[in-house]
């Protein structure tokens, strides 16, 4: 099939890939802690990318916890990327796109809420996290 990538090898090495990613994030944040609050050209911040892990969704909380340990600003947790998604929205989108259990996504959402993510924010289409979960 054209356009379909075989991800079996990536999934087999998910733990190793996540461990390397977390080590890299820690090194970058140790060198320049304000990196946690930086945006790229798509208005995305580190949380948007960390929540787009396509390897194995259940590995995402480890990466997110490493970022949360850097004490991001509340604005960083609630910022929107160019698609209007916050970190909570990306968590739900990834859950729906790449598969996971409801308990895993609930755990990730709870983690983000504890650190200050705002569950009342809407995306550019006017959908809050409850609506995204129900779709």
N, C-alpha and C. Protein backbone atom coordinates (compact mmCIF):
# COMPACT_ATOMS: atom_id res chain seq x y z
N UNK A 1 0.83 -1.18 0.00
CA UNK A 1 0.00 0.00 0.00
C UNK A 1 0.87 1.24 0.00
N UNK A 2 0.53 2.16 -0.81
CA UNK A 2 1.25 3.42 -0.85
C UNK A 2 0.84 4.29 0.32
N UNK A 3 1.83 4.91 0.97
CA UNK A 3 1.55 5.85 2.05
C UNK A 3 1.39 5.22 3.42
N UNK A 4 1.43 3.90 3.51
CA UNK A 4 1.31 3.24 4.80
C UNK A 4 2.71 2.81 5.23
N UNK A 5 3.12 3.25 6.40
CA UNK A 5 4.44 2.92 6.91
C UNK A 5 4.32 1.80 7.93
N UNK A 6 5.19 0.83 7.81
CA UNK A 6 5.24 -0.27 8.76
C UNK A 6 5.93 0.22 10.03
N UNK A 7 5.20 0.28 11.13
CA UNK A 7 5.74 0.80 12.38
C UNK A 7 6.04 -0.31 13.41
N UNK A 8 6.09 -1.56 12.95
CA UNK A 8 6.35 -2.64 13.90
C UNK A 8 7.68 -2.47 14.61
N UNK A 9 8.73 -2.14 13.87
CA UNK A 9 10.04 -1.97 14.49
C UNK A 9 10.04 -0.82 15.49
N UNK A 10 9.38 0.29 15.14
CA UNK A 10 9.30 1.41 16.06
C UNK A 10 8.56 1.02 17.33
N UNK A 11 7.47 0.27 17.20
CA UNK A 11 6.72 -0.14 18.39
C UNK A 11 7.53 -1.10 19.23
N UNK A 12 8.31 -1.98 18.59
CA UNK A 12 9.15 -2.90 19.34
C UNK A 12 10.20 -2.17 20.16
N UNK A 13 10.65 -1.02 19.69
CA UNK A 13 11.69 -0.23 20.36
C UNK A 13 11.13 1.00 21.06
N UNK A 14 9.84 1.04 21.32
CA UNK A 14 9.20 2.24 21.87
C UNK A 14 9.85 2.69 23.17
N UNK A 15 10.11 1.77 24.07
CA UNK A 15 10.71 2.14 25.35
C UNK A 15 12.08 2.78 25.17
N UNK A 16 12.88 2.22 24.29
CA UNK A 16 14.21 2.77 24.02
C UNK A 16 14.11 4.15 23.37
N UNK A 17 13.21 4.31 22.43
CA UNK A 17 13.04 5.59 21.75
C UNK A 17 12.58 6.66 22.74
N UNK A 18 11.62 6.33 23.58
CA UNK A 18 11.13 7.29 24.58
C UNK A 18 12.23 7.64 25.57
N UNK A 19 13.01 6.65 26.00
CA UNK A 19 14.11 6.93 26.93
C UNK A 19 15.11 7.90 26.33
N UNK A 20 15.45 7.71 25.05
CA UNK A 20 16.38 8.64 24.38
C UNK A 20 15.76 10.02 24.25
N UNK A 21 14.47 10.06 23.93
CA UNK A 21 13.79 11.34 23.78
C UNK A 21 13.78 12.10 25.11
N UNK A 22 13.48 11.41 26.20
CA UNK A 22 13.45 12.04 27.52
C UNK A 22 14.84 12.53 27.90
N UNK A 23 15.86 11.74 27.64
CA UNK A 23 17.23 12.16 27.94
C UNK A 23 17.60 13.41 27.14
N UNK A 24 17.20 13.46 25.88
CA UNK A 24 17.47 14.63 25.03
C UNK A 24 16.75 15.86 25.57
N UNK A 25 15.49 15.69 25.93
CA UNK A 25 14.71 16.81 26.48
C UNK A 25 15.36 17.34 27.75
N UNK A 26 15.77 16.44 28.63
CA UNK A 26 16.41 16.86 29.88
C UNK A 26 17.71 17.61 29.61
N UNK A 27 18.49 17.13 28.65
CA UNK A 27 19.75 17.81 28.30
C UNK A 27 19.47 19.20 27.78
N UNK A 28 18.50 19.33 26.89
CA UNK A 28 18.16 20.65 26.34
C UNK A 28 17.64 21.59 27.41
N UNK A 29 16.80 21.09 28.28
CA UNK A 29 16.24 21.93 29.34
C UNK A 29 17.30 22.31 30.39
N UNK A 30 18.25 21.41 30.63
CA UNK A 30 19.34 21.75 31.55
C UNK A 30 20.20 22.87 30.96
N UNK A 31 20.40 22.82 29.65
CA UNK A 31 21.22 23.83 28.99
C UNK A 31 20.50 25.18 28.91
N UNK A 32 19.19 25.14 28.65
CA UNK A 32 18.43 26.37 28.52
C UNK A 32 16.99 26.11 28.99
N UNK A 33 16.73 26.29 30.28
CA UNK A 33 15.41 25.97 30.84
C UNK A 33 14.24 26.71 30.19
N UNK A 34 14.46 27.90 29.66
CA UNK A 34 13.35 28.64 29.06
C UNK A 34 12.86 28.02 27.75
N UNK A 35 13.59 27.03 27.26
CA UNK A 35 13.18 26.33 26.04
C UNK A 35 11.78 25.74 26.19
N UNK A 36 11.40 25.37 27.40
CA UNK A 36 10.09 24.77 27.65
C UNK A 36 8.94 25.67 27.20
N UNK A 37 9.18 26.98 27.19
CA UNK A 37 8.12 27.92 26.84
C UNK A 37 8.26 28.47 25.42
N UNK A 38 9.16 27.91 24.61
CA UNK A 38 9.39 28.40 23.25
C UNK A 38 8.34 27.88 22.27
N UNK A 39 8.09 28.68 21.23
CA UNK A 39 7.18 28.30 20.13
C UNK A 39 7.98 28.11 18.86
N UNK A 40 7.44 27.32 17.96
CA UNK A 40 8.06 27.21 16.64
C UNK A 40 7.23 28.00 15.62
N UNK A 41 7.54 27.84 14.35
CA UNK A 41 6.86 28.61 13.31
C UNK A 41 5.39 28.23 13.14
N UNK A 42 4.98 27.10 13.74
CA UNK A 42 3.58 26.66 13.66
C UNK A 42 2.83 26.98 14.96
N UNK A 43 3.41 27.83 15.79
CA UNK A 43 2.87 28.19 17.09
C UNK A 43 2.81 27.01 18.06
N UNK A 44 3.47 25.93 17.73
CA UNK A 44 3.47 24.76 18.60
C UNK A 44 4.57 24.88 19.64
N UNK A 45 4.29 24.31 20.79
CA UNK A 45 5.28 24.25 21.87
C UNK A 45 5.65 22.79 22.10
N UNK A 46 6.57 22.56 22.98
CA UNK A 46 7.07 21.20 23.20
C UNK A 46 5.96 20.21 23.54
N UNK A 47 4.95 20.65 24.26
CA UNK A 47 3.86 19.74 24.65
C UNK A 47 3.07 19.27 23.43
N UNK A 48 2.88 20.14 22.46
CA UNK A 48 2.16 19.73 21.25
C UNK A 48 2.89 18.58 20.57
N UNK A 49 4.21 18.69 20.48
CA UNK A 49 4.98 17.64 19.81
C UNK A 49 5.07 16.38 20.65
N UNK A 50 5.25 16.52 21.94
CA UNK A 50 5.34 15.34 22.80
C UNK A 50 4.05 14.54 22.78
N UNK A 51 2.93 15.21 22.59
CA UNK A 51 1.65 14.51 22.55
C UNK A 51 1.32 13.95 21.18
N UNK A 52 2.18 14.18 20.23
CA UNK A 52 1.98 13.62 18.89
C UNK A 52 2.82 12.37 18.68
N UNK A 53 3.19 11.72 19.78
CA UNK A 53 4.01 10.51 19.69
C UNK A 53 3.22 9.45 18.95
N UNK A 54 3.77 8.97 17.85
CA UNK A 54 3.08 7.98 17.03
C UNK A 54 3.58 6.56 17.33
N UNK A 55 4.52 6.45 18.22
CA UNK A 55 5.15 5.16 18.46
C UNK A 55 4.22 4.26 19.27
N UNK A 56 3.90 4.69 20.44
CA UNK A 56 3.07 3.92 21.36
C UNK A 56 2.45 4.90 22.33
N UNK A 57 1.18 5.09 22.26
CA UNK A 57 0.53 6.13 23.06
C UNK A 57 0.82 5.97 24.55
N UNK A 58 0.89 4.75 25.03
CA UNK A 58 1.07 4.56 26.48
C UNK A 58 2.43 5.05 26.95
N UNK A 59 3.34 5.37 26.04
CA UNK A 59 4.64 5.93 26.42
C UNK A 59 4.57 7.45 26.59
N UNK A 60 3.53 8.08 26.11
CA UNK A 60 3.43 9.55 26.15
C UNK A 60 3.52 10.14 27.55
N UNK A 61 2.89 9.55 28.59
CA UNK A 61 2.98 10.16 29.92
C UNK A 61 4.41 10.33 30.43
N UNK A 62 5.30 9.43 30.07
CA UNK A 62 6.70 9.57 30.50
C UNK A 62 7.31 10.83 29.90
N UNK A 63 7.06 11.06 28.62
CA UNK A 63 7.60 12.24 27.95
C UNK A 63 6.96 13.50 28.51
N UNK A 64 5.67 13.47 28.74
CA UNK A 64 4.97 14.64 29.28
C UNK A 64 5.44 14.94 30.70
N UNK A 65 5.64 13.91 31.51
CA UNK A 65 6.12 14.14 32.87
C UNK A 65 7.50 14.80 32.86
N UNK A 66 8.37 14.39 31.95
CA UNK A 66 9.69 15.02 31.84
C UNK A 66 9.55 16.51 31.54
N UNK A 67 8.61 16.86 30.69
CA UNK A 67 8.38 18.27 30.37
C UNK A 67 7.75 19.01 31.56
N UNK A 68 6.80 18.37 32.23
CA UNK A 68 6.16 19.01 33.38
C UNK A 68 7.15 19.25 34.52
N UNK A 69 8.14 18.39 34.64
CA UNK A 69 9.17 18.56 35.67
C UNK A 69 10.00 19.82 35.44
N UNK A 70 9.94 20.38 34.23
CA UNK A 70 10.66 21.62 33.92
C UNK A 70 9.86 22.85 34.32
N UNK A 71 8.71 22.67 34.91
CA UNK A 71 7.85 23.75 35.40
C UNK A 71 7.49 24.77 34.31
N UNK A 72 6.76 24.30 33.29
CA UNK A 72 6.34 25.24 32.24
C UNK A 72 5.35 26.25 32.78
N UNK A 73 5.26 27.37 32.10
CA UNK A 73 4.27 28.37 32.51
C UNK A 73 2.87 27.85 32.18
N UNK A 74 1.89 28.38 32.87
CA UNK A 74 0.49 28.02 32.60
C UNK A 74 0.14 28.38 31.15
N UNK A 75 0.68 29.51 30.68
CA UNK A 75 0.44 29.91 29.29
C UNK A 75 0.95 28.86 28.32
N UNK A 76 2.08 28.23 28.65
CA UNK A 76 2.62 27.18 27.77
C UNK A 76 1.67 26.00 27.71
N UNK A 77 1.15 25.57 28.84
CA UNK A 77 0.22 24.43 28.85
C UNK A 77 -1.07 24.73 28.09
N UNK A 78 -1.48 25.99 28.10
CA UNK A 78 -2.76 26.36 27.49
C UNK A 78 -2.61 27.02 26.12
N UNK A 79 -1.41 27.08 25.60
CA UNK A 79 -1.21 27.72 24.30
C UNK A 79 -1.78 26.84 23.18
N UNK A 80 -2.14 27.47 22.11
CA UNK A 80 -2.70 26.76 20.95
C UNK A 80 -1.68 26.75 19.83
N UNK A 81 -1.66 25.65 19.10
CA UNK A 81 -0.81 25.60 17.91
C UNK A 81 -1.58 26.17 16.72
N UNK A 82 -1.05 26.05 15.54
CA UNK A 82 -1.70 26.65 14.36
C UNK A 82 -3.03 25.98 14.01
N UNK A 83 -3.32 24.83 14.60
CA UNK A 83 -4.62 24.17 14.39
C UNK A 83 -5.59 24.52 15.51
N UNK A 84 -5.14 25.36 16.46
CA UNK A 84 -6.00 25.77 17.56
C UNK A 84 -6.07 24.77 18.68
N UNK A 85 -5.20 23.78 18.69
CA UNK A 85 -5.22 22.74 19.71
C UNK A 85 -4.31 23.09 20.87
N UNK A 86 -4.81 22.89 22.09
CA UNK A 86 -3.99 23.00 23.29
C UNK A 86 -3.36 21.63 23.56
N UNK A 87 -2.56 21.54 24.61
CA UNK A 87 -1.97 20.25 24.99
C UNK A 87 -3.06 19.22 25.27
N UNK A 88 -4.14 19.65 25.94
CA UNK A 88 -5.25 18.72 26.21
C UNK A 88 -5.89 18.23 24.92
N UNK A 89 -6.08 19.13 23.99
CA UNK A 89 -6.66 18.75 22.70
C UNK A 89 -5.77 17.78 21.95
N UNK A 90 -4.47 18.02 21.98
CA UNK A 90 -3.52 17.11 21.31
C UNK A 90 -3.54 15.74 21.98
N UNK A 91 -3.67 15.71 23.31
CA UNK A 91 -3.72 14.42 24.02
C UNK A 91 -4.92 13.61 23.53
N UNK A 92 -6.05 14.26 23.38
CA UNK A 92 -7.26 13.56 22.94
C UNK A 92 -7.15 13.17 21.48
N UNK A 93 -6.64 14.07 20.64
CA UNK A 93 -6.47 13.76 19.22
C UNK A 93 -5.57 12.55 19.04
N UNK A 94 -4.45 12.51 19.78
CA UNK A 94 -3.54 11.38 19.69
C UNK A 94 -4.20 10.10 20.17
N UNK A 95 -4.96 10.19 21.24
CA UNK A 95 -5.69 9.05 21.78
C UNK A 95 -6.61 8.47 20.72
N UNK A 96 -7.32 9.33 20.02
CA UNK A 96 -8.26 8.88 19.00
C UNK A 96 -7.55 8.38 17.75
N UNK A 97 -6.43 9.00 17.39
CA UNK A 97 -5.73 8.65 16.16
C UNK A 97 -4.86 7.41 16.29
N UNK A 98 -4.21 7.25 17.43
CA UNK A 98 -3.20 6.19 17.54
C UNK A 98 -3.57 5.09 18.50
N UNK A 99 -4.69 5.21 19.13
CA UNK A 99 -5.19 4.14 19.97
C UNK A 99 -4.62 4.15 21.37
N UNK A 100 -5.44 3.80 22.28
CA UNK A 100 -5.09 3.74 23.69
C UNK A 100 -6.33 3.32 24.44
N UNK A 101 -6.18 3.13 25.70
CA UNK A 101 -7.36 2.85 26.52
C UNK A 101 -7.88 4.18 27.08
N UNK A 102 -9.12 4.18 27.48
CA UNK A 102 -9.70 5.38 28.06
C UNK A 102 -8.97 5.73 29.36
N UNK A 103 -8.55 4.71 30.11
CA UNK A 103 -7.81 4.95 31.36
C UNK A 103 -6.49 5.66 31.08
N UNK A 104 -5.80 5.29 30.00
CA UNK A 104 -4.52 5.93 29.68
C UNK A 104 -4.71 7.40 29.32
N UNK A 105 -5.70 7.71 28.51
CA UNK A 105 -5.91 9.11 28.14
C UNK A 105 -6.41 9.90 29.35
N UNK A 106 -7.23 9.28 30.20
CA UNK A 106 -7.71 9.96 31.40
C UNK A 106 -6.55 10.29 32.32
N UNK A 107 -5.61 9.38 32.46
CA UNK A 107 -4.43 9.60 33.29
C UNK A 107 -3.60 10.77 32.75
N UNK A 108 -3.42 10.81 31.45
CA UNK A 108 -2.66 11.89 30.82
C UNK A 108 -3.37 13.24 30.98
N UNK A 109 -4.66 13.25 30.76
CA UNK A 109 -5.44 14.48 30.92
C UNK A 109 -5.37 14.96 32.36
N UNK A 110 -5.51 14.05 33.30
CA UNK A 110 -5.43 14.42 34.72
C UNK A 110 -4.07 15.03 35.05
N UNK A 111 -3.01 14.43 34.53
CA UNK A 111 -1.67 14.95 34.76
C UNK A 111 -1.56 16.40 34.27
N UNK A 112 -2.06 16.66 33.07
CA UNK A 112 -2.00 18.02 32.52
C UNK A 112 -2.86 18.99 33.34
N UNK A 113 -4.03 18.55 33.78
CA UNK A 113 -4.91 19.40 34.58
C UNK A 113 -4.28 19.75 35.93
N UNK A 114 -3.62 18.80 36.55
CA UNK A 114 -2.97 19.05 37.84
C UNK A 114 -1.92 20.15 37.71
N UNK A 115 -1.25 20.20 36.57
CA UNK A 115 -0.20 21.21 36.37
C UNK A 115 -0.75 22.53 35.82
N UNK A 116 -2.04 22.63 35.61
CA UNK A 116 -2.63 23.91 35.24
C UNK A 116 -3.25 24.02 33.87
N UNK A 117 -3.35 22.93 33.12
CA UNK A 117 -4.03 23.00 31.82
C UNK A 117 -5.50 23.35 32.05
N UNK A 118 -6.06 24.17 31.17
CA UNK A 118 -7.42 24.67 31.32
C UNK A 118 -8.37 23.84 30.47
N UNK A 119 -9.25 23.09 31.13
CA UNK A 119 -10.19 22.21 30.41
C UNK A 119 -11.32 22.98 29.75
N UNK A 120 -11.43 24.25 30.01
CA UNK A 120 -12.54 25.03 29.45
C UNK A 120 -12.20 25.68 28.11
N UNK A 121 -10.95 25.57 27.69
CA UNK A 121 -10.56 26.20 26.43
C UNK A 121 -11.14 25.42 25.24
N UNK A 122 -11.41 26.14 24.18
CA UNK A 122 -11.97 25.56 22.96
C UNK A 122 -10.92 25.60 21.85
N UNK A 123 -11.07 24.70 20.88
CA UNK A 123 -10.21 24.78 19.70
C UNK A 123 -10.82 25.78 18.72
N UNK A 124 -10.21 25.92 17.55
CA UNK A 124 -10.70 26.91 16.58
C UNK A 124 -12.08 26.56 16.02
N UNK A 125 -12.53 25.32 16.23
CA UNK A 125 -13.86 24.92 15.78
C UNK A 125 -14.89 24.97 16.91
N UNK A 126 -14.49 25.53 18.06
CA UNK A 126 -15.41 25.69 19.17
C UNK A 126 -15.64 24.44 20.00
N UNK A 127 -14.73 23.48 19.93
CA UNK A 127 -14.89 22.22 20.67
C UNK A 127 -14.00 22.22 21.92
N UNK A 128 -14.59 21.88 23.08
CA UNK A 128 -13.78 21.74 24.29
C UNK A 128 -13.36 20.27 24.42
N UNK A 129 -12.62 19.95 25.50
CA UNK A 129 -12.09 18.58 25.58
C UNK A 129 -13.17 17.53 25.74
N UNK A 130 -14.25 17.86 26.43
CA UNK A 130 -15.34 16.89 26.58
C UNK A 130 -15.95 16.55 25.22
N UNK A 131 -16.16 17.55 24.42
CA UNK A 131 -16.71 17.30 23.10
C UNK A 131 -15.75 16.49 22.23
N UNK A 132 -14.45 16.81 22.33
CA UNK A 132 -13.46 16.05 21.56
C UNK A 132 -13.46 14.57 21.98
N UNK A 133 -13.60 14.33 23.27
CA UNK A 133 -13.63 12.94 23.76
C UNK A 133 -14.87 12.20 23.27
N UNK A 134 -15.98 12.90 23.13
CA UNK A 134 -17.24 12.27 22.74
C UNK A 134 -17.39 12.06 21.23
N UNK A 135 -16.53 12.65 20.47
CA UNK A 135 -16.66 12.56 19.01
C UNK A 135 -16.20 11.22 18.49
